[in-house]
Amino acid sequence: MEKQAGGRAWRTPGLALRGVTVNSGDPGVVYTEIMKILLVISFHLLAPQLLLKNSKQGAVPVLYLSLAKELDGISGKHFSSSGVITLAPKAARDPHVAQSLWDTSARLTI
């Protein structure tokens, strides 16, 4: 494994040659069963389904990233909930967070 851009992205040598691409996507705030449990009752009564995406709408960005032919060969990008390439959230660009995630993942898979 090697780091690129100060730990912002991790790449496996040869991965792109095998046709593997890696992108991240933000589905937005989705009103699911767990949200019903987590939301404060007063907010729950304000018809959050009008403010938040339903589960089918929340699945669209993930399905788009997985299936869109126009994204073939595009890798290392972050997509907003509307499918536009955007700057990844600050935590996702933090090299210390990346290293911590990598170390934890490696420890859990050994």
Protein backbone atom coordinates (compact mmCIF):
# COMPACT_ATOMS: atom_id res chain seq x y z
CA MET A 1 0.00 0.00 0.00
CA GLU A 2 1.16 3.53 -0.60
CA LYS A 3 -0.07 6.93 0.52
CA GLN A 4 -0.75 9.70 -1.94
CA ALA A 5 -1.25 13.44 -1.39
CA GLY A 6 -0.18 13.46 2.25
CA GLY A 7 -2.29 10.48 3.29
CA ARG A 8 -5.49 11.71 1.68
CA ALA A 9 -5.89 8.72 -0.58
CA TRP A 10 -4.75 5.14 -0.28
CA ARG A 11 -3.97 3.19 -3.40
CA THR A 12 -3.01 -0.37 -4.06
CA PRO A 13 -0.43 -0.71 -6.85
CA GLY A 14 -2.08 -2.18 -9.93
CA LEU A 15 -5.64 -1.69 -8.68
CA ALA A 16 -6.58 0.64 -11.54
CA LEU A 17 -5.07 -1.81 -14.04
CA ARG A 18 -7.62 -4.37 -12.85
CA GLY A 19 -10.48 -1.96 -13.53
CA VAL A 20 -11.22 -1.21 -9.88
CA THR A 21 -12.32 2.32 -9.05
CA VAL A 22 -12.99 3.78 -5.62
CA ASN A 23 -15.17 6.82 -5.01
CA SER A 24 -17.15 8.13 -2.07
CA GLY A 25 -20.65 9.48 -2.10
CA ASP A 26 -22.93 11.39 0.21
CA PRO A 27 -26.52 10.14 0.07
CA GLY A 28 -27.73 13.16 2.04
CA VAL A 29 -29.92 12.95 5.12
CA VAL A 30 -32.28 10.03 4.72
CA TYR A 31 -35.38 9.46 6.83
CA THR A 32 -35.12 5.77 7.73
CA GLU A 33 -36.37 3.63 10.58
CA ILE A 34 -33.27 4.44 12.64
CA MET A 35 -33.91 8.15 12.13
CA LYS A 36 -37.37 7.70 13.61
CA ILE A 37 -35.74 6.33 16.75
CA LEU A 38 -32.99 8.96 16.92
CA LEU A 39 -34.97 12.09 16.16
CA VAL A 40 -36.34 14.21 18.95
CA ILE A 41 -40.11 13.85 19.20
CA SER A 42 -40.75 17.53 18.51
CA PHE A 43 -38.78 17.32 15.26
CA HIS A 44 -40.44 14.01 14.43
CA LEU A 45 -43.83 15.72 14.58
CA LEU A 46 -42.75 18.40 12.08
CA ALA A 47 -43.24 16.08 9.11
CA PRO A 48 -39.54 15.26 8.52
CA GLN A 49 -40.45 13.30 5.43
CA LEU A 50 -40.92 16.69 3.75
CA LEU A 51 -37.42 17.81 4.81
CA LEU A 52 -35.47 14.58 4.37
CA LYS A 53 -35.07 12.01 1.62
CA ASN A 54 -36.92 8.73 1.87
CA SER A 55 -34.90 5.50 1.69
CA LYS A 56 -35.43 5.08 -2.07
CA GLN A 57 -34.23 8.63 -2.74
CA GLY A 58 -31.24 8.05 -0.46
CA ALA A 59 -30.26 4.95 -2.44
CA VAL A 60 -30.07 6.83 -5.76
CA PRO A 61 -26.59 8.40 -5.28
CA VAL A 62 -25.10 5.06 -4.18
CA LEU A 63 -26.66 3.24 -7.11
CA TYR A 64 -25.49 5.97 -9.48
CA LEU A 65 -21.88 5.62 -8.30
CA SER A 66 -22.10 1.85 -8.61
CA LEU A 67 -23.77 1.58 -11.99
CA ALA A 68 -23.22 4.72 -14.11
CA LYS A 69 -21.26 3.90 -17.27
CA GLU A 70 -20.12 7.53 -17.55
CA LEU A 71 -18.12 7.05 -14.32
CA ASP A 72 -16.07 4.14 -15.69
CA GLY A 73 -12.42 4.91 -15.04
CA ILE A 74 -13.15 7.80 -12.64
CA SER A 75 -11.61 7.09 -9.26
CA GLY A 76 -10.64 8.90 -6.07
CA LYS A 77 -13.50 11.41 -6.23
CA HIS A 78 -16.24 12.43 -3.80
CA PHE A 79 -19.77 12.92 -5.08
CA SER A 80 -22.52 15.01 -3.52
CA SER A 81 -26.02 13.64 -3.09
CA SER A 82 -26.89 15.11 -6.49
CA GLY A 83 -24.09 13.22 -8.25
CA VAL A 84 -21.73 16.20 -8.67
CA ILE A 85 -18.02 15.84 -7.91
CA THR A 86 -17.29 17.91 -4.80
CA LEU A 87 -14.56 18.37 -2.24
CA ALA A 88 -14.76 15.57 0.32
CA PRO A 89 -15.67 16.57 3.89
CA LYS A 90 -12.79 17.91 5.98
CA ALA A 91 -12.53 14.75 8.11
CA ALA A 92 -12.22 12.64 4.95
CA ARG A 93 -9.22 14.74 3.87
CA ASP A 94 -7.46 14.64 7.25
CA PRO A 95 -4.29 12.51 7.03
CA HIS A 96 -4.46 11.68 10.77
CA VAL A 97 -8.01 10.39 10.42
CA ALA A 98 -6.97 8.38 7.34
CA GLN A 99 -4.05 6.83 9.22
CA SER A 100 -6.22 6.01 12.23
CA LEU A 101 -8.87 4.39 10.02
CA TRP A 102 -6.19 2.43 8.18
CA ASP A 103 -4.56 1.25 11.41
CA THR A 104 -7.89 0.23 12.94
CA SER A 105 -8.95 -1.61 9.77
CA ALA A 106 -5.63 -3.44 9.58
CA ARG A 107 -5.84 -4.42 13.25
CA LEU A 108 -9.38 -5.77 12.85
CA THR A 109 -8.55 -7.81 9.75
CA ILE A 110 -5.38 -9.50 10.96
